Amino acid sequence: MAIMSQLFWGVTIGALSAAFSALAKGLAAVVGIGGVGWYSLKRRRDRRARIERKD
């Protein structure tokens, strides 16, 4: 019975670990891509504002 308990515990912890790892990787990808998009949009707006001020 102890072997079955250890096996169940290992599978459960392994599954939870894999799930949280996948969520963390997905969140990191979303934050990274979103941050790059936000930064490029900000630069584009600043550049347009500078060009309009020169006119």
Protein backbone atom coordinates (compact mmCIF):
# COMPACT_ATOMS: atom_id res chain seq x y z
CA MET A 1 0.00 0.00 0.00
CA ALA A 2 2.87 2.37 0.74
CA ILE A 3 4.19 1.99 -2.80
CA MET A 4 0.80 2.91 -4.27
CA SER A 5 0.62 5.94 -2.00
CA GLN A 6 4.08 7.10 -3.06
CA LEU A 7 3.23 6.52 -6.72
CA PHE A 8 -0.01 8.51 -6.39
CA TRP A 9 1.83 11.32 -4.57
CA GLY A 10 4.55 11.44 -7.22
CA VAL A 11 2.07 11.51 -10.09
CA THR A 12 -0.01 14.19 -8.38
CA ILE A 13 2.95 16.43 -7.61
CA GLY A 14 4.37 15.84 -11.08
CA ALA A 15 1.10 16.84 -12.72
CA LEU A 16 0.74 19.95 -10.55
CA SER A 17 4.34 20.91 -11.23
CA ALA A 18 3.88 20.51 -14.97
CA ALA A 19 0.63 22.49 -14.92
CA PHE A 20 2.13 25.40 -12.98
CA SER A 21 5.22 25.35 -15.17
CA ALA A 22 3.09 25.55 -18.31
CA LEU A 23 1.04 28.39 -16.84
CA ALA A 24 4.18 30.28 -15.84
CA LYS A 25 5.71 29.87 -19.30
CA GLY A 26 2.48 31.02 -20.95
CA LEU A 27 2.23 34.02 -18.65
CA ALA A 28 5.86 34.93 -19.31
CA ALA A 29 5.26 34.71 -23.07
CA VAL A 30 2.14 36.90 -22.86
CA VAL A 31 3.88 39.49 -20.69
CA GLY A 32 6.96 39.48 -22.91
CA ILE A 33 5.05 39.84 -26.18
CA GLY A 34 2.69 42.39 -24.65
CA GLY A 35 5.59 44.40 -23.27
CA VAL A 36 7.35 44.49 -26.63
CA GLY A 37 4.12 45.54 -28.34
CA TRP A 38 3.44 48.25 -25.78
CA TYR A 39 7.01 49.57 -26.04
CA SER A 40 6.93 49.71 -29.84
CA LEU A 41 3.53 51.44 -29.78
CA LYS A 42 4.84 53.95 -27.26
CA ARG A 43 7.91 54.67 -29.42
CA ARG A 44 5.73 55.11 -32.49
CA ARG A 45 3.43 57.56 -30.69
CA ASP A 46 6.39 59.54 -29.34
CA ARG A 47 7.96 59.70 -32.80
CA ARG A 48 4.70 60.95 -34.34
CA ALA A 49 4.32 63.55 -31.59
CA ARG A 50 7.87 64.83 -32.23
CA ILE A 51 7.26 65.06 -35.99
CA GLU A 52 3.98 66.93 -35.46
CA ARG A 53 5.65 69.41 -33.07
CA LYS A 54 8.28 70.26 -35.69
CA ASP A 55 5.61 71.35 -38.18
